[in-house]
Amino acid sequence: MQELTEIDTAVDHSCTSPSSERWNVFEPMSGRWSWLTVFRCCRRVAKDPSEPTVAAAPDVKGRAA
């Protein structure tokens, strides 16, 4: 497990040779999925505002979770 530091935007990243990945993560409090840009080079993370969040799938009774 790694500890990551959140930055406001990916533009705030300052490494000269960035190494990044995009992660699709579930936010349990809101029940939504979001995209994060993770910079492995300096262990920083930024929420990607360009992707809309996706609502959680409905439960087995057909209602939203």
Protein backbone atom coordinates (compact mmCIF):
# COMPACT_ATOMS: atom_id res chain seq x y z
CA MET A 1 0.00 0.00 0.00
CA GLN A 2 1.31 3.45 -0.92
CA GLU A 3 0.47 6.84 0.50
CA LEU A 4 -0.37 9.42 -2.19
CA THR A 5 -0.53 13.20 -1.90
CA GLU A 6 -3.48 14.90 -3.59
CA ILE A 7 -2.87 17.88 -5.87
CA ASP A 8 -5.56 20.16 -7.30
CA THR A 9 -4.96 19.44 -10.99
CA ALA A 10 -2.58 17.43 -13.15
CA VAL A 11 -1.05 20.78 -14.22
CA ASP A 12 0.28 21.19 -10.66
CA HIS A 13 2.57 18.21 -11.22
CA SER A 14 6.18 19.36 -11.48
CA CYS A 15 8.42 16.36 -12.27
CA THR A 16 10.61 16.71 -15.36
CA SER A 17 9.89 13.18 -16.63
CA PRO A 18 6.46 12.16 -15.31
CA SER A 19 5.28 8.59 -15.09
CA SER A 20 1.49 8.51 -14.79
CA GLU A 21 -1.45 6.12 -14.80
CA ARG A 22 -5.22 6.63 -14.87
CA TRP A 23 -7.23 4.78 -12.25
CA ASN A 24 -11.00 4.32 -12.17
CA VAL A 25 -11.87 4.34 -8.46
CA PHE A 26 -15.06 3.85 -6.48
CA GLU A 27 -15.95 6.54 -3.93
CA PRO A 28 -17.91 4.67 -1.23
CA MET A 29 -19.39 7.77 0.40
CA SER A 30 -21.00 9.06 -2.82
CA GLY A 31 -21.48 5.67 -4.50
CA ARG A 32 -19.86 6.94 -7.69
CA TRP A 33 -16.86 6.04 -9.85
CA SER A 34 -14.25 8.69 -10.67
CA TRP A 35 -11.08 8.87 -12.75
CA LEU A 36 -7.81 9.76 -11.05
CA THR A 37 -4.44 10.55 -12.61
CA VAL A 38 -1.74 8.96 -10.46
CA PHE A 39 1.83 10.19 -10.86
CA ARG A 40 4.00 7.25 -9.81
CA CYS A 41 7.19 9.29 -10.11
CA CYS A 42 6.38 11.47 -7.08
CA ARG A 43 3.36 9.69 -5.51
CA ARG A 44 0.85 12.43 -6.27
CA VAL A 45 -2.72 12.09 -7.43
CA ALA A 46 -5.20 14.45 -9.12
CA LYS A 47 -8.91 13.94 -9.77
CA ASP A 48 -9.58 14.09 -13.49
CA PRO A 49 -12.33 16.67 -14.09
CA SER A 50 -12.61 15.90 -17.81
CA GLU A 51 -14.39 12.59 -17.19
CA PRO A 52 -17.93 12.61 -15.83
CA THR A 53 -18.53 10.46 -12.79
CA VAL A 54 -20.69 7.39 -13.25
CA ALA A 55 -23.46 6.51 -10.81
CA ALA A 56 -23.27 3.18 -9.04
CA ALA A 57 -25.14 0.26 -10.54
CA PRO A 58 -28.62 -0.41 -9.15
CA ASP A 59 -28.95 -3.10 -6.50
CA VAL A 60 -30.79 -6.37 -7.11
CA LYS A 61 -34.20 -4.81 -6.40
CA GLY A 62 -33.76 -2.28 -9.21
CA ARG A 63 -33.15 0.76 -6.99
CA ALA A 64 -30.01 2.85 -7.08
CA ALA A 65 -27.54 1.83 -4.38
